[in-house]
Every structure is written in structure tokens, then in C-alpha cells.
Amino acid sequence: ENAESVKNYAYKTFDHADVIKLTRE
């Protein structure tokens, strides 16, 4: 819908944020 919804999913959704963390680690 907008940039804010992308940001909320990327950084505030636990599963996605956790996967990003694992990606780096």
C-alpha cells in the first residue's frame, strides 16, 4: 500500500526480522 507498510513488515514483523538476522549470522 505504501512505504510505511513495507517498513513495518521488514522491521516489526518478528518472523521476517528474525529471518533477516539469521541471514546475516
PDBML (XML) file of the C-alpha atoms, coordinates in Angstrom:
<?xml version="1.0" encoding="UTF-8" ?>
<PDBx:datablock datablockName="MODEL"
   xmlns:PDBx="http://pdbml.pdb.org/schema/pdbx-v50.xsd"
   xmlns:xsi="http://www.w3.org/2001/XMLSchema-instance"
   xsi:schemaLocation="http://pdbml.pdb.org/schema/pdbx-v50.xsd pdbx-v50.xsd">
   <PDBx:atom_siteCategory>
      <PDBx:atom_site id="1">
         <PDBx:B_iso_or_equiv>0.00</PDBx:B_iso_or_equiv>
         <PDBx:Cartn_x>0.000</PDBx:Cartn_x>
         <PDBx:Cartn_y>0.000</PDBx:Cartn_y>
         <PDBx:Cartn_z>0.000</PDBx:Cartn_z>
         <PDBx:auth_asym_id>A</PDBx:auth_asym_id>
         <PDBx:auth_atom_id>CA</PDBx:auth_atom_id>
         <PDBx:auth_comp_id>GLU</PDBx:auth_comp_id>
         <PDBx:auth_seq_id>1</PDBx:auth_seq_id>
         <PDBx:group_PDB>ATOM</PDBx:group_PDB>
         <PDBx:label_alt_id xsi:nil="true" />
         <PDBx:label_asym_id>A</PDBx:label_asym_id>
         <PDBx:label_atom_id>CA</PDBx:label_atom_id>
         <PDBx:label_comp_id>GLU</PDBx:label_comp_id>
         <PDBx:label_entity_id>1</PDBx:label_entity_id>
         <PDBx:label_seq_id>1</PDBx:label_seq_id>
         <PDBx:occupancy>1.00</PDBx:occupancy>
         <PDBx:pdbx_PDB_model_num>1</PDBx:pdbx_PDB_model_num>
         <PDBx:type_symbol>C</PDBx:type_symbol>
      </PDBx:atom_site>
      <PDBx:atom_site id="2">
         <PDBx:B_iso_or_equiv>0.00</PDBx:B_iso_or_equiv>
         <PDBx:Cartn_x>2.829</PDBx:Cartn_x>
         <PDBx:Cartn_y>2.414</PDBx:Cartn_y>
         <PDBx:Cartn_z>0.837</PDBx:Cartn_z>
         <PDBx:auth_asym_id>A</PDBx:auth_asym_id>
         <PDBx:auth_atom_id>CA</PDBx:auth_atom_id>
         <PDBx:auth_comp_id>ASN</PDBx:auth_comp_id>
         <PDBx:auth_seq_id>2</PDBx:auth_seq_id>
         <PDBx:group_PDB>ATOM</PDBx:group_PDB>
         <PDBx:label_alt_id xsi:nil="true" />
         <PDBx:label_asym_id>A</PDBx:label_asym_id>
         <PDBx:label_atom_id>CA</PDBx:label_atom_id>
         <PDBx:label_comp_id>ASN</PDBx:label_comp_id>
         <PDBx:label_entity_id>1</PDBx:label_entity_id>
         <PDBx:label_seq_id>2</PDBx:label_seq_id>
         <PDBx:occupancy>1.00</PDBx:occupancy>
         <PDBx:pdbx_PDB_model_num>1</PDBx:pdbx_PDB_model_num>
         <PDBx:type_symbol>C</PDBx:type_symbol>
      </PDBx:atom_site>
      <PDBx:atom_site id="3">
         <PDBx:B_iso_or_equiv>0.00</PDBx:B_iso_or_equiv>
         <PDBx:Cartn_x>6.407</PDBx:Cartn_x>
         <PDBx:Cartn_y>2.659</PDBx:Cartn_y>
         <PDBx:Cartn_z>2.105</PDBx:Cartn_z>
         <PDBx:auth_asym_id>A</PDBx:auth_asym_id>
         <PDBx:auth_atom_id>CA</PDBx:auth_atom_id>
         <PDBx:auth_comp_id>ALA</PDBx:auth_comp_id>
         <PDBx:auth_seq_id>3</PDBx:auth_seq_id>
         <PDBx:group_PDB>ATOM</PDBx:group_PDB>
         <PDBx:label_alt_id xsi:nil="true" />
         <PDBx:label_asym_id>A</PDBx:label_asym_id>
         <PDBx:label_atom_id>CA</PDBx:label_atom_id>
         <PDBx:label_comp_id>ALA</PDBx:label_comp_id>
         <PDBx:label_entity_id>1</PDBx:label_entity_id>
         <PDBx:label_seq_id>3</PDBx:label_seq_id>
         <PDBx:occupancy>1.00</PDBx:occupancy>
         <PDBx:pdbx_PDB_model_num>1</PDBx:pdbx_PDB_model_num>
         <PDBx:type_symbol>C</PDBx:type_symbol>
      </PDBx:atom_site>
      <PDBx:atom_site id="4">
         <PDBx:B_iso_or_equiv>0.00</PDBx:B_iso_or_equiv>
         <PDBx:Cartn_x>5.268</PDBx:Cartn_x>
         <PDBx:Cartn_y>2.514</PDBx:Cartn_y>
         <PDBx:Cartn_z>5.722</PDBx:Cartn_z>
         <PDBx:auth_asym_id>A</PDBx:auth_asym_id>
         <PDBx:auth_atom_id>CA</PDBx:auth_atom_id>
         <PDBx:auth_comp_id>GLU</PDBx:auth_comp_id>
         <PDBx:auth_seq_id>4</PDBx:auth_seq_id>
         <PDBx:group_PDB>ATOM</PDBx:group_PDB>
         <PDBx:label_alt_id xsi:nil="true" />
         <PDBx:label_asym_id>A</PDBx:label_asym_id>
         <PDBx:label_atom_id>CA</PDBx:label_atom_id>
         <PDBx:label_comp_id>GLU</PDBx:label_comp_id>
         <PDBx:label_entity_id>1</PDBx:label_entity_id>
         <PDBx:label_seq_id>4</PDBx:label_seq_id>
         <PDBx:occupancy>1.00</PDBx:occupancy>
         <PDBx:pdbx_PDB_model_num>1</PDBx:pdbx_PDB_model_num>
         <PDBx:type_symbol>C</PDBx:type_symbol>
      </PDBx:atom_site>
      <PDBx:atom_site id="5">
         <PDBx:B_iso_or_equiv>0.00</PDBx:B_iso_or_equiv>
         <PDBx:Cartn_x>3.676</PDBx:Cartn_x>
         <PDBx:Cartn_y>-0.918</PDBx:Cartn_y>
         <PDBx:Cartn_z>5.258</PDBx:Cartn_z>
         <PDBx:auth_asym_id>A</PDBx:auth_asym_id>
         <PDBx:auth_atom_id>CA</PDBx:auth_atom_id>
         <PDBx:auth_comp_id>SER</PDBx:auth_comp_id>
         <PDBx:auth_seq_id>5</PDBx:auth_seq_id>
         <PDBx:group_PDB>ATOM</PDBx:group_PDB>
         <PDBx:label_alt_id xsi:nil="true" />
         <PDBx:label_asym_id>A</PDBx:label_asym_id>
         <PDBx:label_atom_id>CA</PDBx:label_atom_id>
         <PDBx:label_comp_id>SER</PDBx:label_comp_id>
         <PDBx:label_entity_id>1</PDBx:label_entity_id>
         <PDBx:label_seq_id>5</PDBx:label_seq_id>
         <PDBx:occupancy>1.00</PDBx:occupancy>
         <PDBx:pdbx_PDB_model_num>1</PDBx:pdbx_PDB_model_num>
         <PDBx:type_symbol>C</PDBx:type_symbol>
      </PDBx:atom_site>
      <PDBx:atom_site id="6">
         <PDBx:B_iso_or_equiv>0.00</PDBx:B_iso_or_equiv>
         <PDBx:Cartn_x>6.920</PDBx:Cartn_x>
         <PDBx:Cartn_y>-2.228</PDBx:Cartn_y>
         <PDBx:Cartn_z>3.723</PDBx:Cartn_z>
         <PDBx:auth_asym_id>A</PDBx:auth_asym_id>
         <PDBx:auth_atom_id>CA</PDBx:auth_atom_id>
         <PDBx:auth_comp_id>VAL</PDBx:auth_comp_id>
         <PDBx:auth_seq_id>6</PDBx:auth_seq_id>
         <PDBx:group_PDB>ATOM</PDBx:group_PDB>
         <PDBx:label_alt_id xsi:nil="true" />
         <PDBx:label_asym_id>A</PDBx:label_asym_id>
         <PDBx:label_atom_id>CA</PDBx:label_atom_id>
         <PDBx:label_comp_id>VAL</PDBx:label_comp_id>
         <PDBx:label_entity_id>1</PDBx:label_entity_id>
         <PDBx:label_seq_id>6</PDBx:label_seq_id>
         <PDBx:occupancy>1.00</PDBx:occupancy>
         <PDBx:pdbx_PDB_model_num>1</PDBx:pdbx_PDB_model_num>
         <PDBx:type_symbol>C</PDBx:type_symbol>
      </PDBx:atom_site>
      <PDBx:atom_site id="7">
         <PDBx:B_iso_or_equiv>0.00</PDBx:B_iso_or_equiv>
         <PDBx:Cartn_x>8.914</PDBx:Cartn_x>
         <PDBx:Cartn_y>-0.847</PDBx:Cartn_y>
         <PDBx:Cartn_z>6.651</PDBx:Cartn_z>
         <PDBx:auth_asym_id>A</PDBx:auth_asym_id>
         <PDBx:auth_atom_id>CA</PDBx:auth_atom_id>
         <PDBx:auth_comp_id>LYS</PDBx:auth_comp_id>
         <PDBx:auth_seq_id>7</PDBx:auth_seq_id>
         <PDBx:group_PDB>ATOM</PDBx:group_PDB>
         <PDBx:label_alt_id xsi:nil="true" />
         <PDBx:label_asym_id>A</PDBx:label_asym_id>
         <PDBx:label_atom_id>CA</PDBx:label_atom_id>
         <PDBx:label_comp_id>LYS</PDBx:label_comp_id>
         <PDBx:label_entity_id>1</PDBx:label_entity_id>
         <PDBx:label_seq_id>7</PDBx:label_seq_id>
         <PDBx:occupancy>1.00</PDBx:occupancy>
         <PDBx:pdbx_PDB_model_num>1</PDBx:pdbx_PDB_model_num>
         <PDBx:type_symbol>C</PDBx:type_symbol>
      </PDBx:atom_site>
      <PDBx:atom_site id="8">
         <PDBx:B_iso_or_equiv>0.00</PDBx:B_iso_or_equiv>
         <PDBx:Cartn_x>6.544</PDBx:Cartn_x>
         <PDBx:Cartn_y>-2.327</PDBx:Cartn_y>
         <PDBx:Cartn_z>9.218</PDBx:Cartn_z>
         <PDBx:auth_asym_id>A</PDBx:auth_asym_id>
         <PDBx:auth_atom_id>CA</PDBx:auth_atom_id>
         <PDBx:auth_comp_id>ASN</PDBx:auth_comp_id>
         <PDBx:auth_seq_id>8</PDBx:auth_seq_id>
         <PDBx:group_PDB>ATOM</PDBx:group_PDB>
         <PDBx:label_alt_id xsi:nil="true" />
         <PDBx:label_asym_id>A</PDBx:label_asym_id>
         <PDBx:label_atom_id>CA</PDBx:label_atom_id>
         <PDBx:label_comp_id>ASN</PDBx:label_comp_id>
         <PDBx:label_entity_id>1</PDBx:label_entity_id>
         <PDBx:label_seq_id>8</PDBx:label_seq_id>
         <PDBx:occupancy>1.00</PDBx:occupancy>
         <PDBx:pdbx_PDB_model_num>1</PDBx:pdbx_PDB_model_num>
         <PDBx:type_symbol>C</PDBx:type_symbol>
      </PDBx:atom_site>
      <PDBx:atom_site id="9">
         <PDBx:B_iso_or_equiv>0.00</PDBx:B_iso_or_equiv>
         <PDBx:Cartn_x>6.774</PDBx:Cartn_x>
         <PDBx:Cartn_y>-5.770</PDBx:Cartn_y>
         <PDBx:Cartn_z>7.648</PDBx:Cartn_z>
         <PDBx:auth_asym_id>A</PDBx:auth_asym_id>
         <PDBx:auth_atom_id>CA</PDBx:auth_atom_id>
         <PDBx:auth_comp_id>TYR</PDBx:auth_comp_id>
         <PDBx:auth_seq_id>9</PDBx:auth_seq_id>
         <PDBx:group_PDB>ATOM</PDBx:group_PDB>
         <PDBx:label_alt_id xsi:nil="true" />
         <PDBx:label_asym_id>A</PDBx:label_asym_id>
         <PDBx:label_atom_id>CA</PDBx:label_atom_id>
         <PDBx:label_comp_id>TYR</PDBx:label_comp_id>
         <PDBx:label_entity_id>1</PDBx:label_entity_id>
         <PDBx:label_seq_id>9</PDBx:label_seq_id>
         <PDBx:occupancy>1.00</PDBx:occupancy>
         <PDBx:pdbx_PDB_model_num>1</PDBx:pdbx_PDB_model_num>
         <PDBx:type_symbol>C</PDBx:type_symbol>
      </PDBx:atom_site>
      <PDBx:atom_site id="10">
         <PDBx:B_iso_or_equiv>0.00</PDBx:B_iso_or_equiv>
         <PDBx:Cartn_x>10.547</PDBx:Cartn_x>
         <PDBx:Cartn_y>-5.641</PDBx:Cartn_y>
         <PDBx:Cartn_z>7.260</PDBx:Cartn_z>
         <PDBx:auth_asym_id>A</PDBx:auth_asym_id>
         <PDBx:auth_atom_id>CA</PDBx:auth_atom_id>
         <PDBx:auth_comp_id>ALA</PDBx:auth_comp_id>
         <PDBx:auth_seq_id>10</PDBx:auth_seq_id>
         <PDBx:group_PDB>ATOM</PDBx:group_PDB>
         <PDBx:label_alt_id xsi:nil="true" />
         <PDBx:label_asym_id>A</PDBx:label_asym_id>
         <PDBx:label_atom_id>CA</PDBx:label_atom_id>
         <PDBx:label_comp_id>ALA</PDBx:label_comp_id>
         <PDBx:label_entity_id>1</PDBx:label_entity_id>
         <PDBx:label_seq_id>10</PDBx:label_seq_id>
         <PDBx:occupancy>1.00</PDBx:occupancy>
         <PDBx:pdbx_PDB_model_num>1</PDBx:pdbx_PDB_model_num>
         <PDBx:type_symbol>C</PDBx:type_symbol>
      </PDBx:atom_site>
      <PDBx:atom_site id="11">
         <PDBx:B_iso_or_equiv>0.00</PDBx:B_iso_or_equiv>
         <PDBx:Cartn_x>11.403</PDBx:Cartn_x>
         <PDBx:Cartn_y>-4.469</PDBx:Cartn_y>
         <PDBx:Cartn_z>10.780</PDBx:Cartn_z>
         <PDBx:auth_asym_id>A</PDBx:auth_asym_id>
         <PDBx:auth_atom_id>CA</PDBx:auth_atom_id>
         <PDBx:auth_comp_id>TYR</PDBx:auth_comp_id>
         <PDBx:auth_seq_id>11</PDBx:auth_seq_id>
         <PDBx:group_PDB>ATOM</PDBx:group_PDB>
         <PDBx:label_alt_id xsi:nil="true" />
         <PDBx:label_asym_id>A</PDBx:label_asym_id>
         <PDBx:label_atom_id>CA</PDBx:label_atom_id>
         <PDBx:label_comp_id>TYR</PDBx:label_comp_id>
         <PDBx:label_entity_id>1</PDBx:label_entity_id>
         <PDBx:label_seq_id>11</PDBx:label_seq_id>
         <PDBx:occupancy>1.00</PDBx:occupancy>
         <PDBx:pdbx_PDB_model_num>1</PDBx:pdbx_PDB_model_num>
         <PDBx:type_symbol>C</PDBx:type_symbol>
      </PDBx:atom_site>
      <PDBx:atom_site id="12">
         <PDBx:B_iso_or_equiv>0.00</PDBx:B_iso_or_equiv>
         <PDBx:Cartn_x>8.387</PDBx:Cartn_x>
         <PDBx:Cartn_y>-5.038</PDBx:Cartn_y>
         <PDBx:Cartn_z>13.024</PDBx:Cartn_z>
         <PDBx:auth_asym_id>A</PDBx:auth_asym_id>
         <PDBx:auth_atom_id>CA</PDBx:auth_atom_id>
         <PDBx:auth_comp_id>LYS</PDBx:auth_comp_id>
         <PDBx:auth_seq_id>12</PDBx:auth_seq_id>
         <PDBx:group_PDB>ATOM</PDBx:group_PDB>
         <PDBx:label_alt_id xsi:nil="true" />
         <PDBx:label_asym_id>A</PDBx:label_asym_id>
         <PDBx:label_atom_id>CA</PDBx:label_atom_id>
         <PDBx:label_comp_id>LYS</PDBx:label_comp_id>
         <PDBx:label_entity_id>1</PDBx:label_entity_id>
         <PDBx:label_seq_id>12</PDBx:label_seq_id>
         <PDBx:occupancy>1.00</PDBx:occupancy>
         <PDBx:pdbx_PDB_model_num>1</PDBx:pdbx_PDB_model_num>
         <PDBx:type_symbol>C</PDBx:type_symbol>
      </PDBx:atom_site>
      <PDBx:atom_site id="13">
         <PDBx:B_iso_or_equiv>0.00</PDBx:B_iso_or_equiv>
         <PDBx:Cartn_x>7.228</PDBx:Cartn_x>
         <PDBx:Cartn_y>-8.487</PDBx:Cartn_y>
         <PDBx:Cartn_z>11.915</PDBx:Cartn_z>
         <PDBx:auth_asym_id>A</PDBx:auth_asym_id>
         <PDBx:auth_atom_id>CA</PDBx:auth_atom_id>
         <PDBx:auth_comp_id>THR</PDBx:auth_comp_id>
         <PDBx:auth_seq_id>13</PDBx:auth_seq_id>
         <PDBx:group_PDB>ATOM</PDBx:group_PDB>
         <PDBx:label_alt_id xsi:nil="true" />
         <PDBx:label_asym_id>A</PDBx:label_asym_id>
         <PDBx:label_atom_id>CA</PDBx:label_atom_id>
         <PDBx:label_comp_id>THR</PDBx:label_comp_id>
         <PDBx:label_entity_id>1</PDBx:label_entity_id>
         <PDBx:label_seq_id>13</PDBx:label_seq_id>
         <PDBx:occupancy>1.00</PDBx:occupancy>
         <PDBx:pdbx_PDB_model_num>1</PDBx:pdbx_PDB_model_num>
         <PDBx:type_symbol>C</PDBx:type_symbol>
      </PDBx:atom_site>
      <PDBx:atom_site id="14">
         <PDBx:B_iso_or_equiv>0.00</PDBx:B_iso_or_equiv>
         <PDBx:Cartn_x>9.034</PDBx:Cartn_x>
         <PDBx:Cartn_y>-10.972</PDBx:Cartn_y>
         <PDBx:Cartn_z>14.156</PDBx:Cartn_z>
         <PDBx:auth_asym_id>A</PDBx:auth_asym_id>
         <PDBx:auth_atom_id>CA</PDBx:auth_atom_id>
         <PDBx:auth_comp_id>PHE</PDBx:auth_comp_id>
         <PDBx:auth_seq_id>14</PDBx:auth_seq_id>
         <PDBx:group_PDB>ATOM</PDBx:group_PDB>
         <PDBx:label_alt_id xsi:nil="true" />
         <PDBx:label_asym_id>A</PDBx:label_asym_id>
         <PDBx:label_atom_id>CA</PDBx:label_atom_id>
         <PDBx:label_comp_id>PHE</PDBx:label_comp_id>
         <PDBx:label_entity_id>1</PDBx:label_entity_id>
         <PDBx:label_seq_id>14</PDBx:label_seq_id>
         <PDBx:occupancy>1.00</PDBx:occupancy>
         <PDBx:pdbx_PDB_model_num>1</PDBx:pdbx_PDB_model_num>
         <PDBx:type_symbol>C</PDBx:type_symbol>
      </PDBx:atom_site>
      <PDBx:atom_site id="15">
         <PDBx:B_iso_or_equiv>0.00</PDBx:B_iso_or_equiv>
         <PDBx:Cartn_x>9.355</PDBx:Cartn_x>
         <PDBx:Cartn_y>-13.806</PDBx:Cartn_y>
         <PDBx:Cartn_z>11.638</PDBx:Cartn_z>
         <PDBx:auth_asym_id>A</PDBx:auth_asym_id>
         <PDBx:auth_atom_id>CA</PDBx:auth_atom_id>
         <PDBx:auth_comp_id>ASP</PDBx:auth_comp_id>
         <PDBx:auth_seq_id>15</PDBx:auth_seq_id>
         <PDBx:group_PDB>ATOM</PDBx:group_PDB>
         <PDBx:label_alt_id xsi:nil="true" />
         <PDBx:label_asym_id>A</PDBx:label_asym_id>
         <PDBx:label_atom_id>CA</PDBx:label_atom_id>
         <PDBx:label_comp_id>ASP</PDBx:label_comp_id>
         <PDBx:label_entity_id>1</PDBx:label_entity_id>
         <PDBx:label_seq_id>15</PDBx:label_seq_id>
         <PDBx:occupancy>1.00</PDBx:occupancy>
         <PDBx:pdbx_PDB_model_num>1</PDBx:pdbx_PDB_model_num>
         <PDBx:type_symbol>C</PDBx:type_symbol>
      </PDBx:atom_site>
      <PDBx:atom_site id="16">
         <PDBx:B_iso_or_equiv>0.00</PDBx:B_iso_or_equiv>
         <PDBx:Cartn_x>10.763</PDBx:Cartn_x>
         <PDBx:Cartn_y>-11.596</PDBx:Cartn_y>
         <PDBx:Cartn_z>8.886</PDBx:Cartn_z>
         <PDBx:auth_asym_id>A</PDBx:auth_asym_id>
         <PDBx:auth_atom_id>CA</PDBx:auth_atom_id>
         <PDBx:auth_comp_id>HIS</PDBx:auth_comp_id>
         <PDBx:auth_seq_id>16</PDBx:auth_seq_id>
         <PDBx:group_PDB>ATOM</PDBx:group_PDB>
         <PDBx:label_alt_id xsi:nil="true" />
         <PDBx:label_asym_id>A</PDBx:label_asym_id>
         <PDBx:label_atom_id>CA</PDBx:label_atom_id>
         <PDBx:label_comp_id>HIS</PDBx:label_comp_id>
         <PDBx:label_entity_id>1</PDBx:label_entity_id>
         <PDBx:label_seq_id>16</PDBx:label_seq_id>
         <PDBx:occupancy>1.00</PDBx:occupancy>
         <PDBx:pdbx_PDB_model_num>1</PDBx:pdbx_PDB_model_num>
         <PDBx:type_symbol>C</PDBx:type_symbol>
      </PDBx:atom_site>
      <PDBx:atom_site id="17">
         <PDBx:B_iso_or_equiv>0.00</PDBx:B_iso_or_equiv>
         <PDBx:Cartn_x>13.099</PDBx:Cartn_x>
         <PDBx:Cartn_y>-9.700</PDBx:Cartn_y>
         <PDBx:Cartn_z>11.211</PDBx:Cartn_z>
         <PDBx:auth_asym_id>A</PDBx:auth_asym_id>
         <PDBx:auth_atom_id>CA</PDBx:auth_atom_id>
         <PDBx:auth_comp_id>ALA</PDBx:auth_comp_id>
         <PDBx:auth_seq_id>17</PDBx:auth_seq_id>
         <PDBx:group_PDB>ATOM</PDBx:group_PDB>
         <PDBx:label_alt_id xsi:nil="true" />
         <PDBx:label_asym_id>A</PDBx:label_asym_id>
         <PDBx:label_atom_id>CA</PDBx:label_atom_id>
         <PDBx:label_comp_id>ALA</PDBx:label_comp_id>
         <PDBx:label_entity_id>1</PDBx:label_entity_id>
         <PDBx:label_seq_id>17</PDBx:label_seq_id>
         <PDBx:occupancy>1.00</PDBx:occupancy>
         <PDBx:pdbx_PDB_model_num>1</PDBx:pdbx_PDB_model_num>
         <PDBx:type_symbol>C</PDBx:type_symbol>
      </PDBx:atom_site>
      <PDBx:atom_site id="18">
         <PDBx:B_iso_or_equiv>0.00</PDBx:B_iso_or_equiv>
         <PDBx:Cartn_x>14.338</PDBx:Cartn_x>
         <PDBx:Cartn_y>-12.996</PDBx:Cartn_y>
         <PDBx:Cartn_z>12.645</PDBx:Cartn_z>
         <PDBx:auth_asym_id>A</PDBx:auth_asym_id>
         <PDBx:auth_atom_id>CA</PDBx:auth_atom_id>
         <PDBx:auth_comp_id>ASP</PDBx:auth_comp_id>
         <PDBx:auth_seq_id>18</PDBx:auth_seq_id>
         <PDBx:group_PDB>ATOM</PDBx:group_PDB>
         <PDBx:label_alt_id xsi:nil="true" />
         <PDBx:label_asym_id>A</PDBx:label_asym_id>
         <PDBx:label_atom_id>CA</PDBx:label_atom_id>
         <PDBx:label_comp_id>ASP</PDBx:label_comp_id>
         <PDBx:label_entity_id>1</PDBx:label_entity_id>
         <PDBx:label_seq_id>18</PDBx:label_seq_id>
         <PDBx:occupancy>1.00</PDBx:occupancy>
         <PDBx:pdbx_PDB_model_num>1</PDBx:pdbx_PDB_model_num>
         <PDBx:type_symbol>C</PDBx:type_symbol>
      </PDBx:atom_site>
      <PDBx:atom_site id="19">
         <PDBx:B_iso_or_equiv>0.00</PDBx:B_iso_or_equiv>
         <PDBx:Cartn_x>14.993</PDBx:Cartn_x>
         <PDBx:Cartn_y>-14.414</PDBx:Cartn_y>
         <PDBx:Cartn_z>9.181</PDBx:Cartn_z>
         <PDBx:auth_asym_id>A</PDBx:auth_asym_id>
         <PDBx:auth_atom_id>CA</PDBx:auth_atom_id>
         <PDBx:auth_comp_id>VAL</PDBx:auth_comp_id>
         <PDBx:auth_seq_id>19</PDBx:auth_seq_id>
         <PDBx:group_PDB>ATOM</PDBx:group_PDB>
         <PDBx:label_alt_id xsi:nil="true" />
         <PDBx:label_asym_id>A</PDBx:label_asym_id>
         <PDBx:label_atom_id>CA</PDBx:label_atom_id>
         <PDBx:label_comp_id>VAL</PDBx:label_comp_id>
         <PDBx:label_entity_id>1</PDBx:label_entity_id>
         <PDBx:label_seq_id>19</PDBx:label_seq_id>
         <PDBx:occupancy>1.00</PDBx:occupancy>
         <PDBx:pdbx_PDB_model_num>1</PDBx:pdbx_PDB_model_num>
         <PDBx:type_symbol>C</PDBx:type_symbol>
      </PDBx:atom_site>
      <PDBx:atom_site id="20">
         <PDBx:B_iso_or_equiv>0.00</PDBx:B_iso_or_equiv>
         <PDBx:Cartn_x>16.973</PDBx:Cartn_x>
         <PDBx:Cartn_y>-11.282</PDBx:Cartn_y>
         <PDBx:Cartn_z>8.264</PDBx:Cartn_z>
         <PDBx:auth_asym_id>A</PDBx:auth_asym_id>
         <PDBx:auth_atom_id>CA</PDBx:auth_atom_id>
         <PDBx:auth_comp_id>ILE</PDBx:auth_comp_id>
         <PDBx:auth_seq_id>20</PDBx:auth_seq_id>
         <PDBx:group_PDB>ATOM</PDBx:group_PDB>
         <PDBx:label_alt_id xsi:nil="true" />
         <PDBx:label_asym_id>A</PDBx:label_asym_id>
         <PDBx:label_atom_id>CA</PDBx:label_atom_id>
         <PDBx:label_comp_id>ILE</PDBx:label_comp_id>
         <PDBx:label_entity_id>1</PDBx:label_entity_id>
         <PDBx:label_seq_id>20</PDBx:label_seq_id>
         <PDBx:occupancy>1.00</PDBx:occupancy>
         <PDBx:pdbx_PDB_model_num>1</PDBx:pdbx_PDB_model_num>
         <PDBx:type_symbol>C</PDBx:type_symbol>
      </PDBx:atom_site>
      <PDBx:atom_site id="21">
         <PDBx:B_iso_or_equiv>0.00</PDBx:B_iso_or_equiv>
         <PDBx:Cartn_x>19.028</PDBx:Cartn_x>
         <PDBx:Cartn_y>-11.717</PDBx:Cartn_y>
         <PDBx:Cartn_z>11.433</PDBx:Cartn_z>
         <PDBx:auth_asym_id>A</PDBx:auth_asym_id>
         <PDBx:auth_atom_id>CA</PDBx:auth_atom_id>
         <PDBx:auth_comp_id>LYS</PDBx:auth_comp_id>
         <PDBx:auth_seq_id>21</PDBx:auth_seq_id>
         <PDBx:group_PDB>ATOM</PDBx:group_PDB>
         <PDBx:label_alt_id xsi:nil="true" />
         <PDBx:label_asym_id>A</PDBx:label_asym_id>
         <PDBx:label_atom_id>CA</PDBx:label_atom_id>
         <PDBx:label_comp_id>LYS</PDBx:label_comp_id>
         <PDBx:label_entity_id>1</PDBx:label_entity_id>
         <PDBx:label_seq_id>21</PDBx:label_seq_id>
         <PDBx:occupancy>1.00</PDBx:occupancy>
         <PDBx:pdbx_PDB_model_num>1</PDBx:pdbx_PDB_model_num>
         <PDBx:type_symbol>C</PDBx:type_symbol>
      </PDBx:atom_site>
      <PDBx:atom_site id="22">
         <PDBx:B_iso_or_equiv>0.00</PDBx:B_iso_or_equiv>
         <PDBx:Cartn_x>19.724</PDBx:Cartn_x>
         <PDBx:Cartn_y>-15.355</PDBx:Cartn_y>
         <PDBx:Cartn_z>10.569</PDBx:Cartn_z>
         <PDBx:auth_asym_id>A</PDBx:auth_asym_id>
         <PDBx:auth_atom_id>CA</PDBx:auth_atom_id>
         <PDBx:auth_comp_id>LEU</PDBx:auth_comp_id>
         <PDBx:auth_seq_id>22</PDBx:auth_seq_id>
         <PDBx:group_PDB>ATOM</PDBx:group_PDB>
         <PDBx:label_alt_id xsi:nil="true" />
         <PDBx:label_asym_id>A</PDBx:label_asym_id>
         <PDBx:label_atom_id>CA</PDBx:label_atom_id>
         <PDBx:label_comp_id>LEU</PDBx:label_comp_id>
         <PDBx:label_entity_id>1</PDBx:label_entity_id>
         <PDBx:label_seq_id>22</PDBx:label_seq_id>
         <PDBx:occupancy>1.00</PDBx:occupancy>
         <PDBx:pdbx_PDB_model_num>1</PDBx:pdbx_PDB_model_num>
         <PDBx:type_symbol>C</PDBx:type_symbol>
      </PDBx:atom_site>
      <PDBx:atom_site id="23">
         <PDBx:B_iso_or_equiv>0.00</PDBx:B_iso_or_equiv>
         <PDBx:Cartn_x>20.637</PDBx:Cartn_x>
         <PDBx:Cartn_y>-14.335</PDBx:Cartn_y>
         <PDBx:Cartn_z>7.024</PDBx:Cartn_z>
         <PDBx:auth_asym_id>A</PDBx:auth_asym_id>
         <PDBx:auth_atom_id>CA</PDBx:auth_atom_id>
         <PDBx:auth_comp_id>THR</PDBx:auth_comp_id>
         <PDBx:auth_seq_id>23</PDBx:auth_seq_id>
         <PDBx:group_PDB>ATOM</PDBx:group_PDB>
         <PDBx:label_alt_id xsi:nil="true" />
         <PDBx:label_asym_id>A</PDBx:label_asym_id>
         <PDBx:label_atom_id>CA</PDBx:label_atom_id>
         <PDBx:label_comp_id>THR</PDBx:label_comp_id>
         <PDBx:label_entity_id>1</PDBx:label_entity_id>
         <PDBx:label_seq_id>23</PDBx:label_seq_id>
         <PDBx:occupancy>1.00</PDBx:occupancy>
         <PDBx:pdbx_PDB_model_num>1</PDBx:pdbx_PDB_model_num>
         <PDBx:type_symbol>C</PDBx:type_symbol>
      </PDBx:atom_site>
      <PDBx:atom_site id="24">
         <PDBx:B_iso_or_equiv>0.00</PDBx:B_iso_or_equiv>
         <PDBx:Cartn_x>23.463</PDBx:Cartn_x>
         <PDBx:Cartn_y>-12.192</PDBx:Cartn_y>
         <PDBx:Cartn_z>8.379</PDBx:Cartn_z>
         <PDBx:auth_asym_id>A</PDBx:auth_asym_id>
         <PDBx:auth_atom_id>CA</PDBx:auth_atom_id>
         <PDBx:auth_comp_id>ARG</PDBx:auth_comp_id>
         <PDBx:auth_seq_id>24</PDBx:auth_seq_id>
         <PDBx:group_PDB>ATOM</PDBx:group_PDB>
         <PDBx:label_alt_id xsi:nil="true" />
         <PDBx:label_asym_id>A</PDBx:label_asym_id>
         <PDBx:label_atom_id>CA</PDBx:label_atom_id>
         <PDBx:label_comp_id>ARG</PDBx:label_comp_id>
         <PDBx:label_entity_id>1</PDBx:label_entity_id>
         <PDBx:label_seq_id>24</PDBx:label_seq_id>
         <PDBx:occupancy>1.00</PDBx:occupancy>
         <PDBx:pdbx_PDB_model_num>1</PDBx:pdbx_PDB_model_num>
         <PDBx:type_symbol>C</PDBx:type_symbol>
      </PDBx:atom_site>
      <PDBx:atom_site id="25">
         <PDBx:B_iso_or_equiv>0.00</PDBx:B_iso_or_equiv>
         <PDBx:Cartn_x>24.595</PDBx:Cartn_x>
         <PDBx:Cartn_y>-14.605</PDBx:Cartn_y>
         <PDBx:Cartn_z>11.076</PDBx:Cartn_z>
         <PDBx:auth_asym_id>A</PDBx:auth_asym_id>
         <PDBx:auth_atom_id>CA</PDBx:auth_atom_id>
         <PDBx:auth_comp_id>GLU</PDBx:auth_comp_id>
         <PDBx:auth_seq_id>25</PDBx:auth_seq_id>
         <PDBx:group_PDB>ATOM</PDBx:group_PDB>
         <PDBx:label_alt_id xsi:nil="true" />
         <PDBx:label_asym_id>A</PDBx:label_asym_id>
         <PDBx:label_atom_id>CA</PDBx:label_atom_id>
         <PDBx:label_comp_id>GLU</PDBx:label_comp_id>
         <PDBx:label_entity_id>1</PDBx:label_entity_id>
         <PDBx:label_seq_id>25</PDBx:label_seq_id>
         <PDBx:occupancy>1.00</PDBx:occupancy>
         <PDBx:pdbx_PDB_model_num>1</PDBx:pdbx_PDB_model_num>
         <PDBx:type_symbol>C</PDBx:type_symbol>
      </PDBx:atom_site>
   </PDBx:atom_siteCategory>
</PDBx:datablock>
